[in-house]
Amino acid sequence: TGGTISGNTATTSDGGAIWTEVKTVIANTNFTNNTATTGNGGAISHTATAVERALGIIADGNDVTFSGNKANGADNDIYNAGQLELIAGTNKITLGGCIWR
């Protein structure tokens, strides 16, 4: 929770910074310049499909920014196979690429 996750690379799998298949909540964290060289989700790859294993991104007290993340050479911030919850309140969640499913 909080801070910046930057400059990570997954060379043979998904999720340049984070790969998960369980319920995951990320709060007040920025993702910059992460890469999935041959996979999906430059910053985050979330492969769970069950509702109870949702991916949550929360901006509570700080903005959350995704920028410069790439998967397979394309701008791609998040790969999500299931439910995605974006909660911003009075803050912002900014995507520099896209959410792919």
N, C-alpha and C. Protein backbone atom coordinates (compact mmCIF):
# COMPACT_ATOMS: atom_id res chain seq x y z
N THR A 1 0.83 -1.17 0.00
CA THR A 1 0.00 0.00 0.00
C THR A 1 0.88 1.24 0.00
N GLY A 2 0.67 2.08 -0.99
CA GLY A 2 1.43 3.32 -1.09
C GLY A 2 2.74 3.15 -1.83
N GLY A 3 3.26 4.26 -2.33
CA GLY A 3 4.55 4.24 -3.01
C GLY A 3 4.42 4.04 -4.50
N THR A 4 5.54 3.67 -5.11
CA THR A 4 5.60 3.45 -6.55
C THR A 4 6.26 2.12 -6.85
N ILE A 5 5.69 1.38 -7.77
CA ILE A 5 6.29 0.14 -8.27
C ILE A 5 6.70 0.44 -9.69
N SER A 6 8.01 0.37 -9.95
CA SER A 6 8.53 0.85 -11.22
C SER A 6 9.68 -0.02 -11.74
N GLY A 7 9.73 -0.14 -13.08
CA GLY A 7 10.89 -0.74 -13.73
C GLY A 7 11.01 -2.25 -13.63
N ASN A 8 9.92 -2.95 -13.37
CA ASN A 8 9.96 -4.41 -13.28
C ASN A 8 9.66 -5.03 -14.64
N THR A 9 10.18 -6.24 -14.88
CA THR A 9 9.95 -6.93 -16.14
C THR A 9 9.67 -8.41 -15.90
N ALA A 10 8.59 -8.89 -16.52
CA ALA A 10 8.32 -10.31 -16.60
C ALA A 10 8.69 -10.74 -18.01
N THR A 11 9.75 -11.53 -18.16
CA THR A 11 10.26 -11.85 -19.50
C THR A 11 9.54 -13.02 -20.16
N THR A 12 8.98 -13.93 -19.37
CA THR A 12 8.33 -15.10 -19.97
C THR A 12 6.93 -15.36 -19.43
N SER A 13 6.34 -14.37 -18.76
CA SER A 13 5.00 -14.57 -18.20
C SER A 13 4.24 -13.26 -18.15
N ASP A 14 3.05 -13.28 -17.55
CA ASP A 14 2.20 -12.10 -17.43
C ASP A 14 2.60 -11.27 -16.21
N GLY A 15 2.15 -10.01 -16.21
CA GLY A 15 2.30 -9.14 -15.05
C GLY A 15 3.71 -8.66 -14.83
N GLY A 16 4.04 -7.52 -15.43
CA GLY A 16 5.38 -6.97 -15.28
C GLY A 16 5.75 -6.69 -13.83
N ALA A 17 4.79 -6.21 -13.03
CA ALA A 17 5.05 -5.92 -11.62
C ALA A 17 4.37 -6.92 -10.69
N ILE A 18 3.11 -7.27 -11.00
CA ILE A 18 2.34 -8.16 -10.13
C ILE A 18 1.56 -9.16 -10.97
N TRP A 19 1.66 -10.43 -10.62
CA TRP A 19 0.80 -11.48 -11.18
C TRP A 19 0.08 -12.11 -10.00
N THR A 20 -1.24 -12.20 -10.10
CA THR A 20 -2.01 -12.76 -9.00
C THR A 20 -3.23 -13.52 -9.52
N GLU A 21 -3.66 -14.52 -8.76
CA GLU A 21 -4.89 -15.23 -9.08
C GLU A 21 -5.79 -15.36 -7.86
N VAL A 22 -5.53 -14.55 -6.85
CA VAL A 22 -6.35 -14.52 -5.63
C VAL A 22 -6.89 -13.12 -5.44
N LYS A 23 -7.81 -12.95 -4.48
CA LYS A 23 -8.33 -11.61 -4.19
C LYS A 23 -7.16 -10.69 -3.86
N THR A 24 -7.10 -9.55 -4.54
CA THR A 24 -5.98 -8.63 -4.38
C THR A 24 -6.50 -7.21 -4.30
N VAL A 25 -6.06 -6.48 -3.29
CA VAL A 25 -6.43 -5.08 -3.14
C VAL A 25 -5.15 -4.26 -3.12
N ILE A 26 -5.09 -3.27 -4.01
CA ILE A 26 -3.93 -2.40 -4.12
C ILE A 26 -4.41 -0.98 -3.84
N ALA A 27 -3.77 -0.30 -2.90
CA ALA A 27 -4.22 1.04 -2.51
C ALA A 27 -3.09 2.06 -2.63
N ASN A 28 -3.43 3.22 -3.20
CA ASN A 28 -2.55 4.38 -3.20
C ASN A 28 -1.15 4.07 -3.74
N THR A 29 -1.07 3.26 -4.78
CA THR A 29 0.20 2.84 -5.35
C THR A 29 0.26 3.23 -6.82
N ASN A 30 1.38 3.76 -7.25
CA ASN A 30 1.59 4.12 -8.66
C ASN A 30 2.40 3.04 -9.34
N PHE A 31 2.11 2.80 -10.62
CA PHE A 31 2.81 1.80 -11.42
C PHE A 31 3.38 2.48 -12.65
N THR A 32 4.71 2.49 -12.78
CA THR A 32 5.33 3.15 -13.92
C THR A 32 6.40 2.27 -14.55
N ASN A 33 6.39 2.24 -15.88
CA ASN A 33 7.43 1.60 -16.68
C ASN A 33 7.69 0.14 -16.32
N ASN A 34 6.60 -0.61 -16.12
CA ASN A 34 6.69 -2.06 -15.91
C ASN A 34 6.37 -2.74 -17.23
N THR A 35 6.94 -3.94 -17.45
CA THR A 35 6.80 -4.59 -18.75
C THR A 35 6.57 -6.09 -18.60
N ALA A 36 5.60 -6.58 -19.37
CA ALA A 36 5.44 -8.03 -19.58
C ALA A 36 5.88 -8.25 -21.03
N THR A 37 7.09 -8.72 -21.21
CA THR A 37 7.70 -8.80 -22.54
C THR A 37 6.89 -9.65 -23.52
N THR A 38 6.45 -10.83 -23.08
CA THR A 38 5.70 -11.72 -23.97
C THR A 38 4.31 -12.04 -23.44
N GLY A 39 3.92 -11.44 -22.31
CA GLY A 39 2.65 -11.77 -21.70
C GLY A 39 1.67 -10.62 -21.67
N ASN A 40 0.69 -10.72 -20.80
CA ASN A 40 -0.37 -9.73 -20.64
C ASN A 40 -0.18 -8.94 -19.35
N GLY A 41 -0.67 -7.70 -19.35
CA GLY A 41 -0.64 -6.89 -18.14
C GLY A 41 0.73 -6.32 -17.85
N GLY A 42 1.03 -5.18 -18.43
CA GLY A 42 2.33 -4.56 -18.21
C GLY A 42 2.61 -4.31 -16.75
N ALA A 43 1.61 -3.83 -15.99
CA ALA A 43 1.78 -3.59 -14.56
C ALA A 43 1.22 -4.75 -13.74
N ILE A 44 -0.04 -5.15 -14.04
CA ILE A 44 -0.73 -6.16 -13.23
C ILE A 44 -1.41 -7.17 -14.13
N SER A 45 -1.24 -8.44 -13.81
CA SER A 45 -2.02 -9.49 -14.45
C SER A 45 -2.79 -10.21 -13.35
N HIS A 46 -4.11 -10.20 -13.46
CA HIS A 46 -4.99 -10.83 -12.47
C HIS A 46 -5.82 -11.86 -13.21
N THR A 47 -5.55 -13.14 -12.95
CA THR A 47 -6.16 -14.21 -13.75
C THR A 47 -7.35 -14.89 -13.10
N ALA A 48 -7.71 -14.50 -11.88
CA ALA A 48 -8.85 -15.12 -11.21
C ALA A 48 -10.16 -14.69 -11.86
N THR A 49 -11.09 -15.63 -12.02
CA THR A 49 -12.38 -15.31 -12.63
C THR A 49 -13.53 -15.31 -11.62
N ALA A 50 -13.37 -15.88 -10.45
CA ALA A 50 -14.43 -15.93 -9.45
C ALA A 50 -14.62 -14.55 -8.81
N VAL A 51 -15.88 -14.17 -8.58
CA VAL A 51 -16.21 -12.86 -8.01
C VAL A 51 -15.51 -12.65 -6.67
N GLU A 52 -15.44 -13.68 -5.84
CA GLU A 52 -14.82 -13.53 -4.52
C GLU A 52 -13.30 -13.36 -4.59
N ARG A 53 -12.75 -13.42 -5.79
CA ARG A 53 -11.31 -13.20 -5.98
C ARG A 53 -11.05 -11.95 -6.81
N ALA A 54 -11.82 -10.92 -6.58
CA ALA A 54 -11.75 -9.69 -7.37
C ALA A 54 -10.42 -8.96 -7.18
N LEU A 55 -10.10 -8.14 -8.17
CA LEU A 55 -8.97 -7.22 -8.08
C LEU A 55 -9.53 -5.85 -7.72
N GLY A 56 -9.04 -5.26 -6.66
CA GLY A 56 -9.49 -3.94 -6.24
C GLY A 56 -8.35 -2.95 -6.28
N ILE A 57 -8.61 -1.78 -6.88
CA ILE A 57 -7.64 -0.70 -6.89
C ILE A 57 -8.30 0.50 -6.23
N ILE A 58 -7.68 0.99 -5.17
CA ILE A 58 -8.28 2.03 -4.35
C ILE A 58 -7.38 3.28 -4.32
N ALA A 59 -7.99 4.43 -4.59
CA ALA A 59 -7.30 5.72 -4.42
C ALA A 59 -7.99 6.41 -3.24
N ASP A 60 -7.42 6.25 -2.07
CA ASP A 60 -8.02 6.80 -0.86
C ASP A 60 -6.96 7.61 -0.12
N GLY A 61 -6.93 8.89 -0.36
CA GLY A 61 -5.92 9.75 0.24
C GLY A 61 -4.84 10.17 -0.75
N ASN A 62 -4.62 9.36 -1.77
CA ASN A 62 -3.66 9.68 -2.83
C ASN A 62 -4.22 9.21 -4.17
N ASP A 63 -3.83 9.90 -5.24
CA ASP A 63 -4.19 9.44 -6.58
C ASP A 63 -3.39 8.18 -6.91
N VAL A 64 -3.92 7.38 -7.81
CA VAL A 64 -3.23 6.19 -8.32
C VAL A 64 -3.00 6.41 -9.81
N THR A 65 -1.76 6.26 -10.25
CA THR A 65 -1.43 6.51 -11.66
C THR A 65 -0.70 5.31 -12.25
N PHE A 66 -1.14 4.93 -13.44
CA PHE A 66 -0.46 3.92 -14.25
C PHE A 66 0.12 4.66 -15.45
N SER A 67 1.42 4.52 -15.70
CA SER A 67 2.00 5.18 -16.87
C SER A 67 3.22 4.41 -17.36
N GLY A 68 3.35 4.33 -18.69
CA GLY A 68 4.51 3.71 -19.30
C GLY A 68 4.57 2.20 -19.18
N ASN A 69 3.48 1.55 -18.79
CA ASN A 69 3.46 0.10 -18.67
C ASN A 69 3.15 -0.53 -20.02
N LYS A 70 3.85 -1.63 -20.34
CA LYS A 70 3.68 -2.24 -21.65
C LYS A 70 3.60 -3.76 -21.53
N ALA A 71 2.79 -4.34 -22.41
CA ALA A 71 2.71 -5.80 -22.55
C ALA A 71 2.78 -6.11 -24.03
N ASN A 72 3.70 -6.99 -24.40
CA ASN A 72 3.90 -7.33 -25.82
C ASN A 72 4.12 -6.09 -26.68
N GLY A 73 4.80 -5.09 -26.15
CA GLY A 73 5.14 -3.89 -26.89
C GLY A 73 4.05 -2.84 -26.99
N ALA A 74 2.85 -3.13 -26.47
CA ALA A 74 1.72 -2.19 -26.54
C ALA A 74 1.47 -1.57 -25.16
N ASP A 75 0.92 -0.35 -25.15
CA ASP A 75 0.52 0.26 -23.89
C ASP A 75 -0.55 -0.61 -23.25
N ASN A 76 -0.27 -1.13 -22.08
CA ASN A 76 -1.20 -2.02 -21.41
C ASN A 76 -0.89 -2.01 -19.92
N ASP A 77 -1.81 -1.51 -19.12
CA ASP A 77 -1.59 -1.42 -17.68
C ASP A 77 -2.03 -2.67 -16.93
N ILE A 78 -3.25 -3.13 -17.22
CA ILE A 78 -3.84 -4.21 -16.43
C ILE A 78 -4.46 -5.26 -17.36
N TYR A 79 -4.16 -6.53 -17.08
CA TYR A 79 -4.92 -7.63 -17.67
C TYR A 79 -5.76 -8.18 -16.53
N ASN A 80 -7.07 -8.29 -16.75
CA ASN A 80 -7.96 -8.77 -15.70
C ASN A 80 -8.96 -9.75 -16.28
N ALA A 81 -8.96 -10.98 -15.78
CA ALA A 81 -9.86 -12.01 -16.30
C ALA A 81 -11.21 -12.02 -15.59
N GLY A 82 -11.31 -11.38 -14.45
CA GLY A 82 -12.55 -11.43 -13.67
C GLY A 82 -13.07 -10.07 -13.29
N GLN A 83 -13.52 -9.96 -12.05
CA GLN A 83 -14.13 -8.72 -11.57
C GLN A 83 -13.05 -7.72 -11.18
N LEU A 84 -13.24 -6.47 -11.58
CA LEU A 84 -12.33 -5.37 -11.26
C LEU A 84 -13.11 -4.29 -10.56
N GLU A 85 -12.63 -3.86 -9.40
CA GLU A 85 -13.28 -2.79 -8.64
C GLU A 85 -12.33 -1.61 -8.55
N LEU A 86 -12.76 -0.47 -9.11
CA LEU A 86 -11.98 0.77 -9.03
C LEU A 86 -12.70 1.71 -8.08
N ILE A 87 -12.04 2.09 -6.99
CA ILE A 87 -12.66 2.94 -5.99
C ILE A 87 -11.80 4.17 -5.82
N ALA A 88 -12.36 5.34 -6.18
CA ALA A 88 -11.54 6.55 -6.18
C ALA A 88 -11.96 7.60 -5.15
N GLY A 89 -13.18 7.60 -4.68
CA GLY A 89 -13.59 8.64 -3.74
C GLY A 89 -13.35 10.01 -4.33
N THR A 90 -12.62 10.87 -3.62
CA THR A 90 -12.32 12.21 -4.12
C THR A 90 -10.98 12.25 -4.85
N ASN A 91 -10.29 11.12 -4.94
CA ASN A 91 -9.02 11.04 -5.63
C ASN A 91 -9.22 10.48 -7.03
N LYS A 92 -8.13 10.37 -7.81
CA LYS A 92 -8.22 9.90 -9.19
C LYS A 92 -7.44 8.61 -9.39
N ILE A 93 -7.94 7.79 -10.30
CA ILE A 93 -7.21 6.63 -10.81
C ILE A 93 -6.99 6.94 -12.28
N THR A 94 -5.73 7.09 -12.70
CA THR A 94 -5.40 7.46 -14.07
C THR A 94 -4.68 6.31 -14.75
N LEU A 95 -5.23 5.90 -15.89
CA LEU A 95 -4.61 4.84 -16.68
C LEU A 95 -3.91 5.45 -17.89
N GLY A 96 -2.65 5.10 -18.08
CA GLY A 96 -1.91 5.59 -19.24
C GLY A 96 -2.08 4.67 -20.43
N GLY A 97 -2.41 3.43 -20.20
CA GLY A 97 -2.61 2.46 -21.27
C GLY A 97 -4.04 2.00 -21.29
N CYS A 98 -4.25 0.73 -21.00
CA CYS A 98 -5.61 0.20 -21.06
C CYS A 98 -5.77 -0.94 -20.06
N ILE A 99 -7.02 -1.35 -19.90
CA ILE A 99 -7.36 -2.57 -19.16
C ILE A 99 -7.79 -3.57 -20.22
N TRP A 100 -7.17 -4.73 -20.23
CA TRP A 100 -7.45 -5.72 -21.25
C TRP A 100 -8.01 -6.97 -20.62
N ARG A 101 -8.99 -7.56 -21.30
CA ARG A 101 -9.54 -8.82 -20.81
C ARG A 101 -9.69 -9.77 -21.95
